[in-house]
Amino acid sequence: MRNQSVVEQPIAIDPSDRFVKVTRINPQGFVEFEFAIGTPELCVELMLPPTAFKEFCLAQKASRLDAFGNFVRH
C-alpha cells in the first residue's frame, strides 16, 4: 500500500479584508466584538462604546459578520 500524502492548498489571505462580528452588548452598553484581518478565523476580541464601534468599522472598512460567520447586509 502506498503512503499518499494530501497536499493542502494554502488559503489566499488578503490583508485588506477586514471583518467584524458583534458577540454581545454588555451590561455597561459596550459593544463586544471580534475583529479579523485577512480571514475571519483568526481574530482578536475587543470592546468599544457604540459610537466608537461605528467609527472603528468605518475606518477599517470592515465587513460585518453574523453569529454564523455570514455577511450581514446593511
Protein backbone atom coordinates (compact mmCIF):
# COMPACT_ATOMS: atom_id res chain seq x y z
CA MET A 1 0.00 0.00 0.00
CA ARG A 2 1.35 3.41 -0.95
CA ASN A 3 1.66 6.19 1.53
CA GLN A 4 -0.25 9.00 -0.12
CA SER A 5 0.13 12.43 1.36
CA VAL A 6 -2.51 15.04 0.88
CA VAL A 7 -1.20 18.43 -0.08
CA GLU A 8 -3.46 21.20 1.09
CA GLN A 9 -3.59 24.36 -0.93
CA PRO A 10 -2.75 27.47 1.07
CA ILE A 11 -5.64 29.78 1.80
CA ALA A 12 -5.39 33.06 -0.06
CA ILE A 13 -5.47 35.82 2.54
CA ASP A 14 -5.99 39.42 1.53
CA PRO A 15 -4.81 41.76 4.32
CA SER A 16 -7.14 44.46 3.01
CA ASP A 17 -10.15 42.31 4.01
CA ARG A 18 -11.45 43.31 7.47
CA PHE A 19 -14.19 41.54 9.41
CA VAL A 20 -16.26 42.43 12.48
CA LYS A 21 -18.58 40.08 14.36
CA VAL A 22 -20.55 41.51 17.30
CA THR A 23 -20.70 38.96 20.13
CA ARG A 24 -22.83 40.98 22.56
CA ILE A 25 -23.68 44.32 24.10
CA ASN A 26 -22.51 44.11 27.71
CA PRO A 27 -24.46 45.49 30.72
CA GLN A 28 -22.40 48.71 30.61
CA GLY A 29 -23.51 49.29 26.99
CA PHE A 30 -20.17 48.47 25.34
CA VAL A 31 -20.15 46.56 22.05
CA GLU A 32 -18.09 43.38 22.43
CA PHE A 33 -16.87 42.10 19.09
CA GLU A 34 -14.31 40.06 17.19
CA PHE A 35 -12.08 41.85 14.68
CA ALA A 36 -10.15 39.99 12.00
CA ILE A 37 -7.79 40.95 9.19
CA GLY A 38 -7.48 38.74 6.12
CA THR A 39 -9.59 35.85 7.38
CA PRO A 40 -12.40 35.69 9.97
CA GLU A 41 -10.93 32.54 11.52
CA LEU A 42 -8.11 34.45 13.24
CA CYS A 43 -9.41 37.33 15.31
CA VAL A 44 -8.99 39.43 18.43
CA GLU A 45 -11.73 40.29 20.90
CA LEU A 46 -12.34 43.99 21.51
CA MET A 47 -14.96 46.23 23.10
CA LEU A 48 -15.87 49.84 22.43
CA PRO A 49 -18.70 52.25 23.18
CA PRO A 50 -21.33 52.13 20.39
CA THR A 51 -20.28 55.39 18.72
CA ALA A 52 -16.60 54.41 18.74
CA PHE A 53 -17.54 50.96 17.38
CA LYS A 54 -19.32 52.54 14.40
CA GLU A 55 -16.34 54.82 13.75
CA PHE A 56 -13.95 51.86 14.05
CA CYS A 57 -15.93 49.84 11.49
CA LEU A 58 -15.97 52.75 9.05
CA ALA A 59 -12.26 53.48 9.49
CA GLN A 60 -11.37 49.80 8.98
CA LYS A 61 -13.88 49.36 6.13
CA ALA A 62 -14.87 46.16 7.90
CA SER A 63 -17.42 43.66 6.60
CA ARG A 64 -19.98 42.76 9.26
CA LEU A 65 -20.49 39.05 10.01
CA ASP A 66 -23.40 37.44 11.87
CA ALA A 67 -23.01 34.84 14.63
CA PHE A 68 -22.59 32.12 11.97
CA GLY A 69 -19.90 33.96 10.00
CA ASN A 70 -22.23 35.02 7.18
CA PHE A 71 -22.04 38.52 5.74
CA VAL A 72 -24.61 40.98 7.07
CA ARG A 73 -26.12 43.39 4.57
CA HIS A 74 -26.51 46.96 5.79
